[in-house]
Amino acid sequence: MAFKVRKDPRGVVVVEVDGQLIVSNRQEFKQKVLDALEAGDRKFLVDFTPTGYIDSSGLGVLVSLSKKIRDEGGDLRLAGLNEDLKTLFELTKLDTLFAITDSPAEALAAF
């Protein structure tokens, strides 16, 4: 489980979640996003293409980051959710909170 962080030429911070977003790694994920936010970045894309599982603490950190980024005048988008993750976001109604696209390219184009 690792997080790859890169900056798109458009200035979007792309965080790729490889594996799972769970209780044991949620703080590392959150810190990577907060570090970029504190450095002045305001556009964020979380790429879940290589992600198999998100637990409730992972969802919680996404909600927390979404609020923090919005409060700072930024934008957080999600992309690449597999069918199970899409269902999870629908069941928890989090699909209404986040801008979710099928692919990272779609999300990047929407910024």
N, C-alpha and C. Protein backbone atom coordinates (compact mmCIF):
# COMPACT_ATOMS: atom_id res chain seq x y z
N MET A 1 0.84 -1.19 0.00
CA MET A 1 0.00 0.00 0.00
C MET A 1 0.87 1.24 0.00
N ALA A 2 0.73 2.00 -1.04
CA ALA A 2 1.52 3.22 -1.16
C ALA A 2 0.69 4.31 -1.80
N PHE A 3 1.14 5.51 -1.61
CA PHE A 3 0.49 6.66 -2.22
C PHE A 3 1.51 7.33 -3.12
N LYS A 4 1.13 7.52 -4.37
CA LYS A 4 1.99 8.23 -5.32
C LYS A 4 1.39 9.62 -5.50
N VAL A 5 2.21 10.62 -5.28
CA VAL A 5 1.75 12.00 -5.41
C VAL A 5 2.55 12.65 -6.54
N ARG A 6 1.82 13.27 -7.46
CA ARG A 6 2.47 13.99 -8.54
C ARG A 6 1.64 15.22 -8.86
N LYS A 7 2.27 16.14 -9.56
CA LYS A 7 1.56 17.35 -9.95
C LYS A 7 1.37 17.34 -11.46
N ASP A 8 0.14 17.43 -11.87
CA ASP A 8 -0.22 17.49 -13.28
C ASP A 8 0.25 18.84 -13.85
N PRO A 9 0.55 18.90 -15.16
CA PRO A 9 0.95 20.19 -15.75
C PRO A 9 -0.05 21.32 -15.53
N ARG A 10 -1.32 20.96 -15.29
CA ARG A 10 -2.35 21.99 -15.03
C ARG A 10 -2.34 22.46 -13.58
N GLY A 11 -1.42 21.92 -12.77
CA GLY A 11 -1.33 22.33 -11.37
C GLY A 11 -2.20 21.52 -10.44
N VAL A 12 -2.73 20.41 -10.92
CA VAL A 12 -3.58 19.55 -10.09
C VAL A 12 -2.69 18.53 -9.37
N VAL A 13 -2.86 18.43 -8.06
CA VAL A 13 -2.14 17.41 -7.28
C VAL A 13 -2.91 16.10 -7.42
N VAL A 14 -2.25 15.10 -7.99
CA VAL A 14 -2.87 13.79 -8.19
C VAL A 14 -2.29 12.82 -7.17
N VAL A 15 -3.18 12.25 -6.35
CA VAL A 15 -2.76 11.26 -5.36
C VAL A 15 -3.34 9.92 -5.78
N GLU A 16 -2.46 8.99 -6.10
CA GLU A 16 -2.89 7.65 -6.50
C GLU A 16 -2.84 6.74 -5.28
N VAL A 17 -3.96 6.10 -4.99
CA VAL A 17 -4.06 5.18 -3.85
C VAL A 17 -3.88 3.77 -4.38
N ASP A 18 -2.73 3.19 -4.06
CA ASP A 18 -2.39 1.86 -4.55
C ASP A 18 -2.70 0.82 -3.48
N GLY A 19 -3.74 0.04 -3.70
CA GLY A 19 -4.10 -1.02 -2.75
C GLY A 19 -5.36 -0.70 -1.97
N GLN A 20 -5.19 -0.15 -0.77
CA GLN A 20 -6.32 0.10 0.10
C GLN A 20 -6.16 1.45 0.81
N LEU A 21 -7.28 2.04 1.18
CA LEU A 21 -7.28 3.22 2.04
C LEU A 21 -8.00 2.79 3.31
N ILE A 22 -7.21 2.48 4.33
CA ILE A 22 -7.77 1.88 5.55
C ILE A 22 -7.18 2.55 6.79
N VAL A 23 -7.62 2.09 7.95
CA VAL A 23 -7.23 2.69 9.23
C VAL A 23 -5.72 2.78 9.39
N SER A 24 -4.98 1.81 8.92
CA SER A 24 -3.53 1.80 9.14
C SER A 24 -2.76 2.79 8.26
N ASN A 25 -3.35 3.27 7.19
CA ASN A 25 -2.60 4.19 6.33
C ASN A 25 -3.32 5.51 6.08
N ARG A 26 -4.46 5.72 6.70
CA ARG A 26 -5.24 6.92 6.42
C ARG A 26 -4.50 8.20 6.83
N GLN A 27 -3.73 8.15 7.92
CA GLN A 27 -3.02 9.34 8.38
C GLN A 27 -1.93 9.75 7.39
N GLU A 28 -1.23 8.76 6.83
CA GLU A 28 -0.20 9.05 5.83
C GLU A 28 -0.84 9.73 4.61
N PHE A 29 -1.96 9.18 4.16
CA PHE A 29 -2.70 9.75 3.04
C PHE A 29 -3.11 11.20 3.34
N LYS A 30 -3.73 11.38 4.51
CA LYS A 30 -4.21 12.71 4.90
C LYS A 30 -3.06 13.71 4.95
N GLN A 31 -1.92 13.29 5.50
CA GLN A 31 -0.79 14.20 5.64
C GLN A 31 -0.23 14.62 4.28
N LYS A 32 -0.21 13.70 3.33
CA LYS A 32 0.29 14.04 1.99
C LYS A 32 -0.59 15.13 1.35
N VAL A 33 -1.90 15.00 1.51
CA VAL A 33 -2.81 15.99 0.95
C VAL A 33 -2.68 17.32 1.71
N LEU A 34 -2.63 17.25 3.04
CA LEU A 34 -2.52 18.48 3.83
C LEU A 34 -1.21 19.21 3.55
N ASP A 35 -0.12 18.47 3.35
CA ASP A 35 1.16 19.10 3.03
C ASP A 35 1.05 19.90 1.73
N ALA A 36 0.40 19.32 0.73
CA ALA A 36 0.22 20.02 -0.55
C ALA A 36 -0.69 21.23 -0.38
N LEU A 37 -1.73 21.09 0.43
CA LEU A 37 -2.66 22.20 0.69
C LEU A 37 -1.91 23.35 1.37
N GLU A 38 -1.09 23.01 2.36
CA GLU A 38 -0.32 24.03 3.07
C GLU A 38 0.72 24.68 2.17
N ALA A 39 1.17 23.95 1.16
CA ALA A 39 2.15 24.50 0.20
C ALA A 39 1.49 25.42 -0.83
N GLY A 40 0.16 25.51 -0.78
CA GLY A 40 -0.54 26.43 -1.67
C GLY A 40 -1.35 25.78 -2.78
N ASP A 41 -1.29 24.45 -2.87
CA ASP A 41 -2.08 23.77 -3.90
C ASP A 41 -3.56 23.80 -3.53
N ARG A 42 -4.42 23.93 -4.55
CA ARG A 42 -5.86 24.02 -4.28
C ARG A 42 -6.69 23.03 -5.12
N LYS A 43 -6.06 22.36 -6.08
CA LYS A 43 -6.79 21.40 -6.91
C LYS A 43 -6.24 20.01 -6.64
N PHE A 44 -7.14 19.10 -6.26
CA PHE A 44 -6.73 17.75 -5.89
C PHE A 44 -7.58 16.71 -6.60
N LEU A 45 -6.91 15.67 -7.05
CA LEU A 45 -7.57 14.51 -7.64
C LEU A 45 -7.05 13.27 -6.93
N VAL A 46 -7.97 12.48 -6.40
CA VAL A 46 -7.59 11.20 -5.81
C VAL A 46 -7.95 10.12 -6.83
N ASP A 47 -6.92 9.43 -7.29
CA ASP A 47 -7.08 8.39 -8.30
C ASP A 47 -7.17 7.03 -7.61
N PHE A 48 -8.36 6.43 -7.68
CA PHE A 48 -8.60 5.14 -7.06
C PHE A 48 -8.52 3.99 -8.06
N THR A 49 -7.96 4.22 -9.24
CA THR A 49 -7.87 3.17 -10.25
C THR A 49 -7.21 1.90 -9.71
N PRO A 50 -6.07 2.01 -8.98
CA PRO A 50 -5.43 0.78 -8.48
C PRO A 50 -5.89 0.38 -7.06
N THR A 51 -7.05 0.88 -6.63
CA THR A 51 -7.52 0.67 -5.26
C THR A 51 -8.57 -0.43 -5.22
N GLY A 52 -8.42 -1.33 -4.27
CA GLY A 52 -9.38 -2.41 -4.13
C GLY A 52 -10.37 -2.24 -3.00
N TYR A 53 -10.00 -1.43 -1.98
CA TYR A 53 -10.83 -1.38 -0.79
C TYR A 53 -10.64 -0.06 -0.04
N ILE A 54 -11.74 0.47 0.48
CA ILE A 54 -11.71 1.63 1.35
C ILE A 54 -12.58 1.29 2.55
N ASP A 55 -12.05 1.43 3.78
CA ASP A 55 -12.87 1.16 4.96
C ASP A 55 -13.49 2.47 5.46
N SER A 56 -14.25 2.38 6.55
CA SER A 56 -14.97 3.55 7.05
C SER A 56 -14.02 4.67 7.47
N SER A 57 -12.85 4.33 7.98
CA SER A 57 -11.90 5.38 8.36
C SER A 57 -11.35 6.07 7.11
N GLY A 58 -11.20 5.31 6.02
CA GLY A 58 -10.78 5.91 4.76
C GLY A 58 -11.81 6.88 4.22
N LEU A 59 -13.08 6.48 4.33
CA LEU A 59 -14.17 7.38 3.91
C LEU A 59 -14.17 8.63 4.78
N GLY A 60 -13.95 8.43 6.08
CA GLY A 60 -13.93 9.55 7.01
C GLY A 60 -12.84 10.56 6.68
N VAL A 61 -11.67 10.08 6.32
CA VAL A 61 -10.58 10.99 5.99
C VAL A 61 -10.87 11.73 4.69
N LEU A 62 -11.54 11.09 3.75
CA LEU A 62 -11.93 11.78 2.51
C LEU A 62 -12.92 12.91 2.79
N VAL A 63 -13.89 12.65 3.67
CA VAL A 63 -14.87 13.68 4.03
C VAL A 63 -14.17 14.84 4.73
N SER A 64 -13.29 14.52 5.65
CA SER A 64 -12.55 15.54 6.38
C SER A 64 -11.70 16.39 5.44
N LEU A 65 -10.99 15.75 4.53
CA LEU A 65 -10.16 16.49 3.57
C LEU A 65 -11.02 17.33 2.63
N SER A 66 -12.16 16.81 2.23
CA SER A 66 -13.05 17.55 1.34
C SER A 66 -13.46 18.87 2.00
N LYS A 67 -13.84 18.81 3.25
CA LYS A 67 -14.24 20.02 3.97
C LYS A 67 -13.07 21.00 4.10
N LYS A 68 -11.92 20.49 4.48
CA LYS A 68 -10.74 21.34 4.67
C LYS A 68 -10.35 22.02 3.34
N ILE A 69 -10.35 21.25 2.26
CA ILE A 69 -9.97 21.80 0.96
C ILE A 69 -10.99 22.85 0.50
N ARG A 70 -12.28 22.56 0.69
CA ARG A 70 -13.31 23.55 0.33
C ARG A 70 -13.17 24.82 1.15
N ASP A 71 -12.89 24.68 2.46
CA ASP A 71 -12.72 25.84 3.33
C ASP A 71 -11.55 26.72 2.88
N GLU A 72 -10.57 26.10 2.22
CA GLU A 72 -9.40 26.84 1.73
C GLU A 72 -9.60 27.33 0.29
N GLY A 73 -10.82 27.15 -0.24
CA GLY A 73 -11.12 27.61 -1.59
C GLY A 73 -10.68 26.65 -2.68
N GLY A 74 -10.47 25.39 -2.30
CA GLY A 74 -9.98 24.40 -3.26
C GLY A 74 -11.06 23.46 -3.76
N ASP A 75 -10.61 22.47 -4.51
CA ASP A 75 -11.51 21.51 -5.15
C ASP A 75 -10.89 20.12 -5.05
N LEU A 76 -11.69 19.16 -4.61
CA LEU A 76 -11.25 17.76 -4.52
C LEU A 76 -12.16 16.91 -5.38
N ARG A 77 -11.56 16.13 -6.27
CA ARG A 77 -12.31 15.24 -7.14
C ARG A 77 -11.78 13.82 -6.98
N LEU A 78 -12.66 12.85 -7.24
CA LEU A 78 -12.29 11.44 -7.16
C LEU A 78 -12.48 10.80 -8.53
N ALA A 79 -11.64 9.81 -8.82
CA ALA A 79 -11.74 9.13 -10.12
C ALA A 79 -11.30 7.68 -10.00
N GLY A 80 -11.78 6.88 -10.96
CA GLY A 80 -11.30 5.51 -11.09
C GLY A 80 -11.87 4.52 -10.09
N LEU A 81 -13.04 4.80 -9.56
CA LEU A 81 -13.64 3.86 -8.60
C LEU A 81 -14.10 2.59 -9.31
N ASN A 82 -13.76 1.44 -8.75
CA ASN A 82 -14.27 0.18 -9.31
C ASN A 82 -15.75 0.04 -8.92
N GLU A 83 -16.40 -1.00 -9.40
CA GLU A 83 -17.84 -1.15 -9.15
C GLU A 83 -18.17 -1.24 -7.67
N ASP A 84 -17.35 -1.98 -6.91
CA ASP A 84 -17.60 -2.10 -5.46
C ASP A 84 -17.47 -0.75 -4.76
N LEU A 85 -16.47 0.01 -5.15
CA LEU A 85 -16.28 1.32 -4.52
C LEU A 85 -17.38 2.30 -4.93
N LYS A 86 -17.82 2.23 -6.18
CA LYS A 86 -18.95 3.07 -6.60
C LYS A 86 -20.17 2.77 -5.75
N THR A 87 -20.43 1.47 -5.54
CA THR A 87 -21.58 1.06 -4.72
C THR A 87 -21.44 1.58 -3.30
N LEU A 88 -20.24 1.49 -2.74
CA LEU A 88 -19.98 2.00 -1.39
C LEU A 88 -20.30 3.49 -1.30
N PHE A 89 -19.85 4.27 -2.27
CA PHE A 89 -20.12 5.70 -2.25
C PHE A 89 -21.61 5.99 -2.43
N GLU A 90 -22.31 5.18 -3.22
CA GLU A 90 -23.75 5.37 -3.39
C GLU A 90 -24.51 5.02 -2.12
N LEU A 91 -24.16 3.90 -1.50
CA LEU A 91 -24.86 3.46 -0.28
C LEU A 91 -24.67 4.45 0.87
N THR A 92 -23.50 5.06 0.95
CA THR A 92 -23.22 6.01 2.02
C THR A 92 -23.63 7.44 1.64
N LYS A 93 -24.16 7.59 0.43
CA LYS A 93 -24.58 8.89 -0.11
C LYS A 93 -23.41 9.85 -0.31
N LEU A 94 -22.19 9.34 -0.26
CA LEU A 94 -21.03 10.20 -0.47
C LEU A 94 -20.85 10.57 -1.94
N ASP A 95 -21.57 9.87 -2.82
CA ASP A 95 -21.52 10.24 -4.23
C ASP A 95 -22.14 11.62 -4.46
N THR A 96 -22.93 12.10 -3.48
CA THR A 96 -23.52 13.44 -3.60
C THR A 96 -22.57 14.52 -3.07
N LEU A 97 -21.58 14.11 -2.28
CA LEU A 97 -20.61 15.06 -1.72
C LEU A 97 -19.43 15.30 -2.66
N PHE A 98 -19.02 14.25 -3.35
CA PHE A 98 -17.82 14.32 -4.18
C PHE A 98 -18.15 14.38 -5.67
N ALA A 99 -17.30 15.08 -6.40
CA ALA A 99 -17.34 15.03 -7.86
C ALA A 99 -16.56 13.77 -8.25
N ILE A 100 -17.25 12.79 -8.82
CA ILE A 100 -16.64 11.50 -9.14
C ILE A 100 -16.72 11.28 -10.64
N THR A 101 -15.57 10.93 -11.23
CA THR A 101 -15.54 10.61 -12.66
C THR A 101 -15.00 9.19 -12.85
N ASP A 102 -15.27 8.65 -14.02
CA ASP A 102 -14.82 7.29 -14.30
C ASP A 102 -13.31 7.20 -14.43
N SER A 103 -12.69 8.21 -15.01
CA SER A 103 -11.25 8.14 -15.25
C SER A 103 -10.55 9.40 -14.75
N PRO A 104 -9.27 9.27 -14.41
CA PRO A 104 -8.50 10.45 -14.01
C PRO A 104 -8.46 11.51 -15.12
N ALA A 105 -8.40 11.09 -16.36
CA ALA A 105 -8.36 12.04 -17.47
C ALA A 105 -9.62 12.90 -17.50
N GLU A 106 -10.77 12.28 -17.25
CA GLU A 106 -12.03 13.03 -17.20
C GLU A 106 -12.00 14.06 -16.06
N ALA A 107 -11.52 13.63 -14.91
CA ALA A 107 -11.46 14.53 -13.76
C ALA A 107 -10.52 15.71 -14.03
N LEU A 108 -9.37 15.42 -14.60
CA LEU A 108 -8.41 16.48 -14.90
C LEU A 108 -8.98 17.49 -15.90
N ALA A 109 -9.72 16.98 -16.87
CA ALA A 109 -10.33 17.87 -17.86
C ALA A 109 -11.40 18.77 -17.25
N ALA A 110 -11.99 18.34 -16.13
CA ALA A 110 -13.07 19.09 -15.50
C ALA A 110 -12.57 20.24 -14.62
N PHE A 111 -11.27 20.26 -14.32
CA PHE A 111 -10.74 21.33 -13.47
C PHE A 111 -10.66 22.63 -14.24
